[in-house]
Amino acid sequence: MLSDWPQNEVIKAYDVWNPERYTARRTTFVIDKQGIIRGVIESETDMTIHSRDSLRIVQELESSASRRT
């Protein structure tokens, strides 16, 4: 979880700024150890999708990494 209020620089840099509500859209980023965004989950209404899809992406990354070693 990240908040950079009141400057809102990070949410603008990640393009999740919602100027109509003066807040960020509900967005989850899965970022790997190298700092690469591997997944973006957006939903204002389904909060379970954030945890479910984040877990799936992390598991896929781990599986991919274990096949390379």
N, C-alpha and C. Protein backbone atom coordinates (compact mmCIF):
# COMPACT_ATOMS: atom_id res chain seq x y z
N MET A 1 0.84 -1.16 0.00
CA MET A 1 0.00 0.00 0.00
C MET A 1 0.90 1.23 0.00
N LEU A 2 0.48 2.19 -0.78
CA LEU A 2 1.27 3.41 -0.93
C LEU A 2 0.35 4.61 -0.92
N SER A 3 0.78 5.62 -0.22
CA SER A 3 0.07 6.89 -0.25
C SER A 3 1.11 8.00 -0.34
N ASP A 4 0.90 8.93 -1.23
CA ASP A 4 1.85 10.04 -1.32
C ASP A 4 1.12 11.38 -1.25
N TRP A 5 0.04 11.39 -0.49
CA TRP A 5 -0.73 12.60 -0.28
C TRP A 5 0.10 13.59 0.51
N PRO A 6 0.10 14.86 0.30
CA PRO A 6 -0.79 15.60 -0.59
C PRO A 6 -0.21 15.88 -1.97
N GLN A 7 1.05 15.52 -2.22
CA GLN A 7 1.66 15.85 -3.51
C GLN A 7 1.10 15.01 -4.65
N ASN A 8 0.74 13.77 -4.37
CA ASN A 8 0.16 12.87 -5.37
C ASN A 8 1.08 12.63 -6.56
N GLU A 9 2.37 12.71 -6.36
CA GLU A 9 3.33 12.54 -7.46
C GLU A 9 3.39 11.09 -7.95
N VAL A 10 3.38 10.15 -7.03
CA VAL A 10 3.51 8.75 -7.41
C VAL A 10 2.26 8.27 -8.15
N ILE A 11 1.08 8.61 -7.64
CA ILE A 11 -0.12 8.15 -8.33
C ILE A 11 -0.26 8.78 -9.71
N LYS A 12 0.27 9.97 -9.88
CA LYS A 12 0.26 10.58 -11.21
C LYS A 12 1.30 9.91 -12.11
N ALA A 13 2.47 9.58 -11.56
CA ALA A 13 3.51 8.91 -12.34
C ALA A 13 3.06 7.53 -12.81
N TYR A 14 2.28 6.84 -11.99
CA TYR A 14 1.77 5.52 -12.35
C TYR A 14 0.44 5.60 -13.10
N ASP A 15 0.01 6.80 -13.39
CA ASP A 15 -1.20 7.05 -14.19
C ASP A 15 -2.45 6.44 -13.58
N VAL A 16 -2.59 6.57 -12.27
CA VAL A 16 -3.80 6.09 -11.61
C VAL A 16 -4.56 7.24 -10.94
N TRP A 17 -4.20 8.46 -11.25
CA TRP A 17 -4.82 9.64 -10.68
C TRP A 17 -6.23 9.81 -11.23
N ASN A 18 -7.17 10.04 -10.35
CA ASN A 18 -8.56 10.29 -10.72
C ASN A 18 -8.89 11.72 -10.31
N PRO A 19 -8.73 12.68 -11.22
CA PRO A 19 -8.93 14.08 -10.85
C PRO A 19 -10.36 14.42 -10.45
N GLU A 20 -11.31 13.66 -10.93
CA GLU A 20 -12.70 13.93 -10.57
C GLU A 20 -12.97 13.68 -9.09
N ARG A 21 -12.28 12.68 -8.54
CA ARG A 21 -12.47 12.35 -7.13
C ARG A 21 -11.31 12.85 -6.27
N TYR A 22 -10.30 13.42 -6.90
CA TYR A 22 -9.09 13.88 -6.23
C TYR A 22 -8.46 12.77 -5.38
N THR A 23 -8.35 11.63 -6.01
CA THR A 23 -7.76 10.47 -5.35
C THR A 23 -7.26 9.50 -6.43
N ALA A 24 -6.62 8.44 -5.99
CA ALA A 24 -6.15 7.41 -6.94
C ALA A 24 -7.26 6.41 -7.22
N ARG A 25 -7.22 5.84 -8.43
CA ARG A 25 -8.09 4.70 -8.72
C ARG A 25 -7.55 3.49 -7.96
N ARG A 26 -8.41 2.56 -7.63
CA ARG A 26 -7.97 1.35 -6.92
C ARG A 26 -7.19 0.47 -7.89
N THR A 27 -5.89 0.48 -7.71
CA THR A 27 -5.00 -0.22 -8.62
C THR A 27 -3.91 -0.92 -7.82
N THR A 28 -3.62 -2.16 -8.19
CA THR A 28 -2.54 -2.92 -7.58
C THR A 28 -1.50 -3.21 -8.65
N PHE A 29 -0.25 -2.93 -8.32
CA PHE A 29 0.87 -3.23 -9.21
C PHE A 29 1.68 -4.35 -8.60
N VAL A 30 2.01 -5.35 -9.39
CA VAL A 30 2.92 -6.41 -8.96
C VAL A 30 4.26 -6.07 -9.61
N ILE A 31 5.26 -5.79 -8.75
CA ILE A 31 6.56 -5.35 -9.22
C ILE A 31 7.59 -6.38 -8.78
N ASP A 32 8.40 -6.86 -9.72
CA ASP A 32 9.37 -7.90 -9.39
C ASP A 32 10.61 -7.31 -8.70
N LYS A 33 11.54 -8.18 -8.35
CA LYS A 33 12.73 -7.75 -7.60
C LYS A 33 13.61 -6.80 -8.39
N GLN A 34 13.49 -6.81 -9.70
CA GLN A 34 14.27 -5.91 -10.54
C GLN A 34 13.55 -4.57 -10.75
N GLY A 35 12.37 -4.44 -10.19
CA GLY A 35 11.62 -3.20 -10.31
C GLY A 35 10.75 -3.12 -11.56
N ILE A 36 10.55 -4.25 -12.22
CA ILE A 36 9.73 -4.30 -13.43
C ILE A 36 8.28 -4.60 -13.05
N ILE A 37 7.36 -3.82 -13.57
CA ILE A 37 5.94 -4.07 -13.32
C ILE A 37 5.52 -5.31 -14.11
N ARG A 38 5.08 -6.32 -13.39
CA ARG A 38 4.69 -7.60 -14.01
C ARG A 38 3.19 -7.79 -14.08
N GLY A 39 2.44 -6.96 -13.38
CA GLY A 39 0.99 -7.07 -13.42
C GLY A 39 0.34 -5.82 -12.90
N VAL A 40 -0.81 -5.51 -13.46
CA VAL A 40 -1.60 -4.36 -13.02
C VAL A 40 -3.05 -4.84 -12.87
N ILE A 41 -3.59 -4.66 -11.69
CA ILE A 41 -4.96 -5.06 -11.42
C ILE A 41 -5.74 -3.80 -11.07
N GLU A 42 -6.83 -3.56 -11.79
CA GLU A 42 -7.66 -2.39 -11.54
C GLU A 42 -9.11 -2.83 -11.37
N SER A 43 -9.69 -2.42 -10.25
CA SER A 43 -11.11 -2.64 -10.03
C SER A 43 -11.56 -1.77 -8.88
N GLU A 44 -12.57 -0.98 -9.13
CA GLU A 44 -13.13 -0.13 -8.08
C GLU A 44 -14.17 -0.89 -7.26
N THR A 45 -14.68 -1.98 -7.80
CA THR A 45 -15.80 -2.66 -7.14
C THR A 45 -15.47 -4.04 -6.60
N ASP A 46 -14.55 -4.76 -7.21
CA ASP A 46 -14.23 -6.13 -6.79
C ASP A 46 -12.88 -6.14 -6.08
N MET A 47 -12.91 -6.04 -4.76
CA MET A 47 -11.66 -5.98 -4.00
C MET A 47 -10.93 -7.32 -3.96
N THR A 48 -11.66 -8.42 -4.10
CA THR A 48 -11.01 -9.73 -4.05
C THR A 48 -10.12 -9.98 -5.26
N ILE A 49 -10.42 -9.32 -6.37
CA ILE A 49 -9.62 -9.53 -7.57
C ILE A 49 -8.18 -9.06 -7.37
N HIS A 50 -7.98 -8.05 -6.54
CA HIS A 50 -6.63 -7.54 -6.30
C HIS A 50 -5.75 -8.61 -5.65
N SER A 51 -6.21 -9.22 -4.58
CA SER A 51 -5.41 -10.25 -3.91
C SER A 51 -5.31 -11.51 -4.74
N ARG A 52 -6.41 -11.92 -5.36
CA ARG A 52 -6.41 -13.15 -6.15
C ARG A 52 -5.47 -13.06 -7.34
N ASP A 53 -5.57 -11.99 -8.11
CA ASP A 53 -4.72 -11.86 -9.29
C ASP A 53 -3.27 -11.56 -8.93
N SER A 54 -3.05 -10.81 -7.84
CA SER A 54 -1.68 -10.56 -7.40
C SER A 54 -1.00 -11.86 -7.02
N LEU A 55 -1.70 -12.70 -6.27
CA LEU A 55 -1.15 -13.99 -5.87
C LEU A 55 -0.86 -14.84 -7.10
N ARG A 56 -1.76 -14.88 -8.05
CA ARG A 56 -1.55 -15.67 -9.27
C ARG A 56 -0.31 -15.19 -10.02
N ILE A 57 -0.13 -13.90 -10.15
CA ILE A 57 1.02 -13.35 -10.87
C ILE A 57 2.32 -13.69 -10.14
N VAL A 58 2.33 -13.55 -8.82
CA VAL A 58 3.53 -13.87 -8.04
C VAL A 58 3.86 -15.35 -8.17
N GLN A 59 2.86 -16.20 -8.11
CA GLN A 59 3.09 -17.64 -8.26
C GLN A 59 3.65 -17.95 -9.65
N GLU A 60 3.14 -17.29 -10.68
CA GLU A 60 3.66 -17.50 -12.04
C GLU A 60 5.11 -17.03 -12.14
N LEU A 61 5.44 -15.93 -11.51
CA LEU A 61 6.82 -15.45 -11.51
C LEU A 61 7.75 -16.43 -10.80
N GLU A 62 7.30 -16.95 -9.65
CA GLU A 62 8.10 -17.92 -8.91
C GLU A 62 8.29 -19.19 -9.71
N SER A 63 7.23 -19.65 -10.35
CA SER A 63 7.30 -20.86 -11.16
C SER A 63 8.26 -20.68 -12.33
N SER A 64 8.17 -19.53 -12.97
CA SER A 64 9.06 -19.22 -14.08
C SER A 64 10.51 -19.16 -13.63
N ALA A 65 10.75 -18.56 -12.48
CA ALA A 65 12.11 -18.44 -11.95
C ALA A 65 12.67 -19.81 -11.59
N SER A 66 11.86 -20.69 -11.02
CA SER A 66 12.35 -22.01 -10.63
C SER A 66 12.66 -22.88 -11.84
N ARG A 67 11.98 -22.66 -12.96
CA ARG A 67 12.28 -23.42 -14.18
C ARG A 67 13.60 -22.99 -14.82
N ARG A 68 14.01 -21.76 -14.54
CA ARG A 68 15.26 -21.25 -15.13
C ARG A 68 16.49 -21.73 -14.35
N THR A 69 16.30 -22.19 -13.11
CA THR A 69 17.45 -22.59 -12.31
C THR A 69 17.67 -24.08 -12.36
